[in-house]
Amino acid sequence: MSTITINEKIYQIADLSEVARQQVANIQFVDAELARLQQQQAVMQTARNAYVSALVSAVDATPEAAPAKKATRSRSKKA
């Protein structure tokens, strides 16, 4: 049987009330969704890293691409 630990006490899930079992199911759903989103985030981060690498390669291979000059701030006096 499945158990859950709450406040350092172990409970049989089957022995819990319907409301409590529903909350357990909600927690399990959210935990699974968080795990799925963490995996998706890892995939997206890997893709982003690949795109950045491809961009760097493309810029390095373009001789006419030069770094932009830093913008200078003009100081204006307040009246």
PDB file of N, CA and C in Angstrom:
ATOM      1  N   MET A   1       0.824  -1.183   0.000  1.00  0.00           N
ATOM      2  CA  MET A   1       0.000   0.000   0.000  1.00  0.00           C
ATOM      3  C   MET A   1       0.869   1.246   0.000  1.00  0.00           C
ATOM      4  N   SER A   2       0.321   2.309  -0.533  1.00  0.00           N
ATOM      5  CA  SER A   2       1.033   3.577  -0.579  1.00  0.00           C
ATOM      6  C   SER A   2       0.868   4.318   0.738  1.00  0.00           C
ATOM      7  N   THR A   3       1.925   4.993   1.097  1.00  0.00           N
ATOM      8  CA  THR A   3       1.892   5.773   2.325  1.00  0.00           C
ATOM      9  C   THR A   3       2.319   7.209   2.031  1.00  0.00           C
ATOM     10  N   ILE A   4       2.020   8.067   2.971  1.00  0.00           N
ATOM     11  CA  ILE A   4       2.446   9.462   2.909  1.00  0.00           C
ATOM     12  C   ILE A   4       2.883   9.855   4.308  1.00  0.00           C
ATOM     13  N   THR A   5       3.939  10.660   4.368  1.00  0.00           N
ATOM     14  CA  THR A   5       4.427  11.138   5.655  1.00  0.00           C
ATOM     15  C   THR A   5       4.022  12.594   5.815  1.00  0.00           C
ATOM     16  N   ILE A   6       3.314  12.871   6.899  1.00  0.00           N
ATOM     17  CA  ILE A   6       2.852  14.221   7.214  1.00  0.00           C
ATOM     18  C   ILE A   6       3.258  14.514   8.650  1.00  0.00           C
ATOM     19  N   ASN A   7       4.029  15.568   8.834  1.00  0.00           N
ATOM     20  CA  ASN A   7       4.497  15.937  10.177  1.00  0.00           C
ATOM     21  C   ASN A   7       5.165  14.760  10.889  1.00  0.00           C
ATOM     22  N   GLU A   8       6.014  14.081  10.143  1.00  0.00           N
ATOM     23  CA  GLU A   8       6.795  12.955  10.665  1.00  0.00           C
ATOM     24  C   GLU A   8       5.949  11.752  11.080  1.00  0.00           C
ATOM     25  N   LYS A   9       4.699  11.684  10.609  1.00  0.00           N
ATOM     26  CA  LYS A   9       3.838  10.528  10.874  1.00  0.00           C
ATOM     27  C   LYS A   9       3.494   9.898   9.535  1.00  0.00           C
ATOM     28  N   ILE A  10       3.508   8.570   9.506  1.00  0.00           N
ATOM     29  CA  ILE A  10       3.233   7.835   8.276  1.00  0.00           C
ATOM     30  C   ILE A  10       1.768   7.410   8.258  1.00  0.00           C
ATOM     31  N   TYR A  11       1.108   7.699   7.136  1.00  0.00           N
ATOM     32  CA  TYR A  11      -0.305   7.354   6.974  1.00  0.00           C
ATOM     33  C   TYR A  11      -0.480   6.479   5.731  1.00  0.00           C
ATOM     34  N   GLN A  12      -1.386   5.528   5.819  1.00  0.00           N
ATOM     35  CA  GLN A  12      -1.804   4.764   4.646  1.00  0.00           C
ATOM     36  C   GLN A  12      -2.753   5.664   3.847  1.00  0.00           C
ATOM     37  N   ILE A  13      -2.447   5.886   2.587  1.00  0.00           N
ATOM     38  CA  ILE A  13      -3.293   6.770   1.782  1.00  0.00           C
ATOM     39  C   ILE A  13      -4.719   6.228   1.705  1.00  0.00           C
ATOM     40  N   ALA A  14      -4.868   4.920   1.616  1.00  0.00           N
ATOM     41  CA  ALA A  14      -6.201   4.315   1.518  1.00  0.00           C
ATOM     42  C   ALA A  14      -7.047   4.567   2.761  1.00  0.00           C
ATOM     43  N   ASP A  15      -6.391   4.816   3.884  1.00  0.00           N
ATOM     44  CA  ASP A  15      -7.126   5.054   5.135  1.00  0.00           C
ATOM     45  C   ASP A  15      -7.536   6.513   5.322  1.00  0.00           C
ATOM     46  N   LEU A  16      -7.063   7.392   4.451  1.00  0.00           N
ATOM     47  CA  LEU A  16      -7.389   8.815   4.583  1.00  0.00           C
ATOM     48  C   LEU A  16      -8.797   9.090   4.084  1.00  0.00           C
ATOM     49  N   SER A  17      -9.334  10.220   4.476  1.00  0.00           N
ATOM     50  CA  SER A  17     -10.664  10.620   3.995  1.00  0.00           C
ATOM     51  C   SER A  17     -10.590  10.917   2.500  1.00  0.00           C
ATOM     52  N   GLU A  18     -11.749  10.981   1.869  1.00  0.00           N
ATOM     53  CA  GLU A  18     -11.811  11.290   0.444  1.00  0.00           C
ATOM     54  C   GLU A  18     -11.178  12.651   0.163  1.00  0.00           C
ATOM     55  N   VAL A  19     -11.455  13.619   1.014  1.00  0.00           N
ATOM     56  CA  VAL A  19     -10.881  14.961   0.846  1.00  0.00           C
ATOM     57  C   VAL A  19      -9.359  14.904   0.932  1.00  0.00           C
ATOM     58  N   ALA A  20      -8.842  14.182   1.918  1.00  0.00           N
ATOM     59  CA  ALA A  20      -7.390  14.058   2.075  1.00  0.00           C
ATOM     60  C   ALA A  20      -6.770  13.331   0.883  1.00  0.00           C
ATOM     61  N   ARG A  21      -7.434  12.260   0.412  1.00  0.00           N
ATOM     62  CA  ARG A  21      -6.920  11.529  -0.763  1.00  0.00           C
ATOM     63  C   ARG A  21      -6.904  12.430  -1.994  1.00  0.00           C
ATOM     64  N   GLN A  22      -7.894  13.309  -2.130  1.00  0.00           N
ATOM     65  CA  GLN A  22      -7.922  14.234  -3.256  1.00  0.00           C
ATOM     66  C   GLN A  22      -6.754  15.223  -3.161  1.00  0.00           C
ATOM     67  N   GLN A  23      -6.444  15.656  -1.951  1.00  0.00           N
ATOM     68  CA  GLN A  23      -5.310  16.560  -1.780  1.00  0.00           C
ATOM     69  C   GLN A  23      -3.994  15.849  -2.115  1.00  0.00           C
ATOM     70  N   VAL A  24      -3.888  14.584  -1.758  1.00  0.00           N
ATOM     71  CA  VAL A  24      -2.711  13.797  -2.128  1.00  0.00           C
ATOM     72  C   VAL A  24      -2.607  13.722  -3.655  1.00  0.00           C
ATOM     73  N   ALA A  25      -3.721  13.457  -4.308  1.00  0.00           N
ATOM     74  CA  ALA A  25      -3.733  13.395  -5.774  1.00  0.00           C
ATOM     75  C   ALA A  25      -3.335  14.739  -6.371  1.00  0.00           C
ATOM     76  N   ASN A  26      -3.820  15.830  -5.780  1.00  0.00           N
ATOM     77  CA  ASN A  26      -3.448  17.164  -6.255  1.00  0.00           C
ATOM     78  C   ASN A  26      -1.939  17.393  -6.134  1.00  0.00           C
ATOM     79  N   ILE A  27      -1.387  17.006  -5.012  1.00  0.00           N
ATOM     80  CA  ILE A  27       0.054  17.157  -4.791  1.00  0.00           C
ATOM     81  C   ILE A  27       0.834  16.307  -5.790  1.00  0.00           C
ATOM     82  N   GLN A  28       0.393  15.082  -6.025  1.00  0.00           N
ATOM     83  CA  GLN A  28       1.074  14.213  -6.987  1.00  0.00           C
ATOM     84  C   GLN A  28       1.021  14.808  -8.394  1.00  0.00           C
ATOM     85  N   PHE A  29      -0.133  15.375  -8.758  1.00  0.00           N
ATOM     86  CA  PHE A  29      -0.269  16.006 -10.068  1.00  0.00           C
ATOM     87  C   PHE A  29       0.693  17.182 -10.204  1.00  0.00           C
ATOM     88  N   VAL A  30       0.721  18.030  -9.173  1.00  0.00           N
ATOM     89  CA  VAL A  30       1.588  19.206  -9.220  1.00  0.00           C
ATOM     90  C   VAL A  30       3.054  18.791  -9.256  1.00  0.00           C
ATOM     91  N   ASP A  31       3.423  17.790  -8.483  1.00  0.00           N
ATOM     92  CA  ASP A  31       4.807  17.299  -8.507  1.00  0.00           C
ATOM     93  C   ASP A  31       5.189  16.796  -9.899  1.00  0.00           C
ATOM     94  N   ALA A  32       4.291  16.060 -10.535  1.00  0.00           N
ATOM     95  CA  ALA A  32       4.567  15.548 -11.882  1.00  0.00           C
ATOM     96  C   ALA A  32       4.673  16.699 -12.880  1.00  0.00           C
ATOM     97  N   GLU A  33       3.808  17.683 -12.736  1.00  0.00           N
ATOM     98  CA  GLU A  33       3.837  18.837 -13.647  1.00  0.00           C
ATOM     99  C   GLU A  33       5.116  19.642 -13.455  1.00  0.00           C
ATOM    100  N   LEU A  34       5.546  19.820 -12.217  1.00  0.00           N
ATOM    101  CA  LEU A  34       6.807  20.513 -11.955  1.00  0.00           C
ATOM    102  C   LEU A  34       7.986  19.766 -12.584  1.00  0.00           C
ATOM    103  N   ALA A  35       7.998  18.466 -12.466  1.00  0.00           N
ATOM    104  CA  ALA A  35       9.068  17.667 -13.067  1.00  0.00           C
ATOM    105  C   ALA A  35       9.052  17.824 -14.586  1.00  0.00           C
ATOM    106  N   ARG A  36       7.857  17.806 -15.191  1.00  0.00           N
ATOM    107  CA  ARG A  36       7.741  17.972 -16.634  1.00  0.00           C
ATOM    108  C   ARG A  36       8.251  19.350 -17.063  1.00  0.00           C
ATOM    109  N   LEU A  37       7.886  20.372 -16.316  1.00  0.00           N
ATOM    110  CA  LEU A  37       8.321  21.724 -16.650  1.00  0.00           C
ATOM    111  C   LEU A  37       9.834  21.892 -16.469  1.00  0.00           C
ATOM    112  N   GLN A  38      10.397  21.243 -15.467  1.00  0.00           N
ATOM    113  CA  GLN A  38      11.851  21.293 -15.280  1.00  0.00           C
ATOM    114  C   GLN A  38      12.567  20.634 -16.452  1.00  0.00           C
ATOM    115  N   GLN A  39      12.013  19.522 -16.949  1.00  0.00           N
ATOM    116  CA  GLN A  39      12.593  18.873 -18.126  1.00  0.00           C
ATOM    117  C   GLN A  39      12.467  19.772 -19.346  1.00  0.00           C
ATOM    118  N   GLN A  40      11.319  20.414 -19.490  1.00  0.00           N
ATOM    119  CA  GLN A  40      11.104  21.319 -20.617  1.00  0.00           C
ATOM    120  C   GLN A  40      12.061  22.506 -20.518  1.00  0.00           C
ATOM    121  N   GLN A  41      12.273  23.027 -19.331  1.00  0.00           N
ATOM    122  CA  GLN A  41      13.203  24.130 -19.149  1.00  0.00           C
ATOM    123  C   GLN A  41      14.617  23.704 -19.553  1.00  0.00           C
ATOM    124  N   ALA A  42      15.013  22.498 -19.201  1.00  0.00           N
ATOM    125  CA  ALA A  42      16.338  22.002 -19.578  1.00  0.00           C
ATOM    126  C   ALA A  42      16.467  21.907 -21.093  1.00  0.00           C
ATOM    127  N   VAL A  43      15.422  21.446 -21.759  1.00  0.00           N
ATOM    128  CA  VAL A  43      15.438  21.367 -23.226  1.00  0.00           C
ATOM    129  C   VAL A  43      15.554  22.760 -23.823  1.00  0.00           C
ATOM    130  N   MET A  44      14.775  23.708 -23.301  1.00  0.00           N
ATOM    131  CA  MET A  44      14.806  25.078 -23.818  1.00  0.00           C
ATOM    132  C   MET A  44      16.160  25.735 -23.578  1.00  0.00           C
ATOM    133  N   GLN A  45      16.761  25.493 -22.428  1.00  0.00           N
ATOM    134  CA  GLN A  45      18.077  26.059 -22.145  1.00  0.00           C
ATOM    135  C   GLN A  45      19.124  25.480 -23.087  1.00  0.00           C
ATOM    136  N   THR A  46      19.022  24.178 -23.368  1.00  0.00           N
ATOM    137  CA  THR A  46      19.945  23.555 -24.317  1.00  0.00           C
ATOM    138  C   THR A  46      19.777  24.159 -25.702  1.00  0.00           C
ATOM    139  N   ALA A  47      18.533  24.363 -26.116  1.00  0.00           N
ATOM    140  CA  ALA A  47      18.270  24.986 -27.423  1.00  0.00           C
ATOM    141  C   ALA A  47      18.804  26.409 -27.449  1.00  0.00           C
ATOM    142  N   ARG A  48      18.586  27.158 -26.395  1.00  0.00           N
ATOM    143  CA  ARG A  48      19.077  28.535 -26.351  1.00  0.00           C
ATOM    144  C   ARG A  48      20.592  28.565 -26.470  1.00  0.00           C
ATOM    145  N   ASN A  49      21.271  27.680 -25.745  1.00  0.00           N
ATOM    146  CA  ASN A  49      22.727  27.621 -25.822  1.00  0.00           C
ATOM    147  C   ASN A  49      23.187  27.320 -27.246  1.00  0.00           C
ATOM    148  N   ALA A  50      22.488  26.430 -27.933  1.00  0.00           N
ATOM    149  CA  ALA A  50      22.834  26.098 -29.320  1.00  0.00           C
ATOM    150  C   ALA A  50      22.620  27.302 -30.228  1.00  0.00           C
ATOM    151  N   TYR A  51      21.524  28.044 -30.022  1.00  0.00           N
ATOM    152  CA  TYR A  51      21.265  29.237 -30.825  1.00  0.00           C
ATOM    153  C   TYR A  51      22.326  30.311 -30.586  1.00  0.00           C
ATOM    154  N   VAL A  52      22.733  30.489 -29.349  1.00  0.00           N
ATOM    155  CA  VAL A  52      23.778  31.466 -29.043  1.00  0.00           C
ATOM    156  C   VAL A  52      25.082  31.055 -29.718  1.00  0.00           C
ATOM    157  N   SER A  53      25.411  29.793 -29.647  1.00  0.00           N
ATOM    158  CA  SER A  53      26.621  29.298 -30.294  1.00  0.00           C
ATOM    159  C   SER A  53      26.563  29.509 -31.806  1.00  0.00           C
ATOM    160  N   ALA A  54      25.407  29.235 -32.404  1.00  0.00           N
ATOM    161  CA  ALA A  54      25.246  29.444 -33.845  1.00  0.00           C
ATOM    162  C   ALA A  54      25.354  30.925 -34.194  1.00  0.00           C
ATOM    163  N   LEU A  55      24.820  31.797 -33.357  1.00  0.00           N
ATOM    164  CA  LEU A  55      24.911  33.233 -33.583  1.00  0.00           C
ATOM    165  C   LEU A  55      26.365  33.692 -33.534  1.00  0.00           C
ATOM    166  N   VAL A  56      27.097  33.240 -32.539  1.00  0.00           N
ATOM    167  CA  VAL A  56      28.507  33.608 -32.419  1.00  0.00           C
ATOM    168  C   VAL A  56      29.270  33.148 -33.652  1.00  0.00           C
ATOM    169  N   SER A  57      29.014  31.937 -34.099  1.00  0.00           N
ATOM    170  CA  SER A  57      29.678  31.427 -35.307  1.00  0.00           C
ATOM    171  C   SER A  57      29.319  32.252 -36.528  1.00  0.00           C
ATOM    172  N   ALA A  58      28.035  32.622 -36.644  1.00  0.00           N
ATOM    173  CA  ALA A  58      27.596  33.406 -37.793  1.00  0.00           C
ATOM    174  C   ALA A  58      28.215  34.798 -37.782  1.00  0.00           C
ATOM    175  N   VAL A  59      28.297  35.412 -36.612  1.00  0.00           N
ATOM    176  CA  VAL A  59      28.909  36.745 -36.513  1.00  0.00           C
ATOM    177  C   VAL A  59      30.399  36.662 -36.789  1.00  0.00           C
ATOM    178  N   ASP A  60      31.066  35.658 -36.265  1.00  0.00           N
ATOM    179  CA  ASP A  60      32.510  35.492 -36.499  1.00  0.00           C
ATOM    180  C   ASP A  60      32.813  35.259 -37.974  1.00  0.00           C
ATOM    181  N   ALA A  61      31.876  34.631 -38.681  1.00  0.00           N
ATOM    182  CA  ALA A  61      32.087  34.318 -40.100  1.00  0.00           C
ATOM    183  C   ALA A  61      31.720  35.475 -41.020  1.00  0.00           C
ATOM    184  N   THR A  62      31.204  36.573 -40.460  1.00  0.00           N
ATOM    185  CA  THR A  62      30.788  37.724 -41.256  1.00  0.00           C
ATOM    186  C   THR A  62      31.814  38.833 -41.065  1.00  0.00           C
ATOM    187  N   PRO A  63      32.721  39.020 -42.067  1.00  0.00           N
ATOM    188  CA  PRO A  63      33.786  40.011 -41.876  1.00  0.00           C
ATOM    189  C   PRO A  63      33.269  41.446 -41.732  1.00  0.00           C
ATOM    190  N   GLU A  64      32.138  41.764 -42.359  1.00  0.00           N
ATOM    191  CA  GLU A  64      31.634  43.135 -42.272  1.00  0.00           C
ATOM    192  C   GLU A  64      30.930  43.428 -40.948  1.00  0.00           C
ATOM    193  N   ALA A  65      30.698  42.410 -40.149  1.00  0.00           N
ATOM    194  CA  ALA A  65      30.054  42.621 -38.850  1.00  0.00           C
ATOM    195  C   ALA A  65      31.112  43.071 -37.854  1.00  0.00           C
ATOM    196  N   ALA A  66      30.967  44.287 -37.406  1.00  0.00           N
ATOM    197  CA  ALA A  66      31.895  44.830 -36.416  1.00  0.00           C
ATOM    198  C   ALA A  66      31.094  45.200 -35.174  1.00  0.00           C
ATOM    199  N   PRO A  67      31.724  45.100 -34.028  1.00  0.00           N
ATOM    200  CA  PRO A  67      31.003  45.490 -32.813  1.00  0.00           C
ATOM    201  C   PRO A  67      30.558  46.942 -32.900  1.00  0.00           C
ATOM    202  N   ALA A  68      29.382  47.210 -32.401  1.00  0.00           N
ATOM    203  CA  ALA A  68      28.861  48.579 -32.386  1.00  0.00           C
ATOM    204  C   ALA A  68      29.631  49.393 -31.357  1.00  0.00           C
ATOM    205  N   LYS A  69      29.747  50.676 -31.653  1.00  0.00           N
ATOM    206  CA  LYS A  69      30.402  51.562 -30.698  1.00  0.00           C
ATOM    207  C   LYS A  69      29.463  51.786 -29.524  1.00  0.00           C
ATOM    208  N   LYS A  70      30.061  51.921 -28.369  1.00  0.00           N
ATOM    209  CA  LYS A  70      29.248  52.170 -27.185  1.00  0.00           C
ATOM    210  C   LYS A  70      28.634  53.555 -27.292  1.00  0.00           C
ATOM    211  N   ALA A  71      27.395  53.651 -26.921  1.00  0.00           N
ATOM    212  CA  ALA A  71      26.711  54.942 -26.938  1.00  0.00           C
ATOM    213  C   ALA A  71      27.272  55.809 -25.822  1.00  0.00           C
ATOM    214  N   THR A  72      27.438  57.074 -26.127  1.00  0.00           N
ATOM    215  CA  THR A  72      27.909  58.006 -25.105  1.00  0.00           C
ATOM    216  C   THR A  72      26.734  58.821 -24.610  1.00  0.00           C
ATOM    217  N   ARG A  73      26.761  59.120 -23.364  1.00  0.00           N
ATOM    218  CA  ARG A  73      25.695  59.915 -22.776  1.00  0.00           C
ATOM    219  C   ARG A  73      26.048  61.391 -22.906  1.00  0.00           C
ATOM    220  N   SER A  74      25.101  62.159 -23.326  1.00  0.00           N
ATOM    221  CA  SER A  74      25.313  63.604 -23.315  1.00  0.00           C
ATOM    222  C   SER A  74      24.703  64.137 -22.043  1.00  0.00           C
ATOM    223  N   ARG A  75      25.452  64.957 -21.393  1.00  0.00           N
ATOM    224  CA  ARG A  75      24.978  65.518 -20.122  1.00  0.00           C
ATOM    225  C   ARG A  75      24.295  66.858 -20.413  1.00  0.00           C
ATOM    226  N   SER A  76      23.090  66.956 -19.970  1.00  0.00           N
ATOM    227  CA  SER A  76      22.374  68.229 -20.141  1.00  0.00           C
ATOM    228  C   SER A  76      22.162  68.840 -18.758  1.00  0.00           C
ATOM    229  N   LYS A  77      22.295  70.150 -18.731  1.00  0.00           N
ATOM    230  CA  LYS A  77      22.093  70.839 -17.467  1.00  0.00           C
ATOM    231  C   LYS A  77      20.628  71.150 -17.272  1.00  0.00           C
ATOM    232  N   LYS A  78      20.156  70.941 -16.078  1.00  0.00           N
ATOM    233  CA  LYS A  78      18.775  71.273 -15.771  1.00  0.00           C
ATOM    234  C   LYS A  78      18.686  72.744 -15.417  1.00  0.00           C
ATOM    235  N   ALA A  79      17.636  73.380 -15.905  1.00  0.00           N
ATOM    236  CA  ALA A  79      17.464  74.823 -15.625  1.00  0.00           C
ATOM    237  C   ALA A  79      16.809  75.044 -14.299  1.00  0.00           C
TER     238      ALA A  79
END
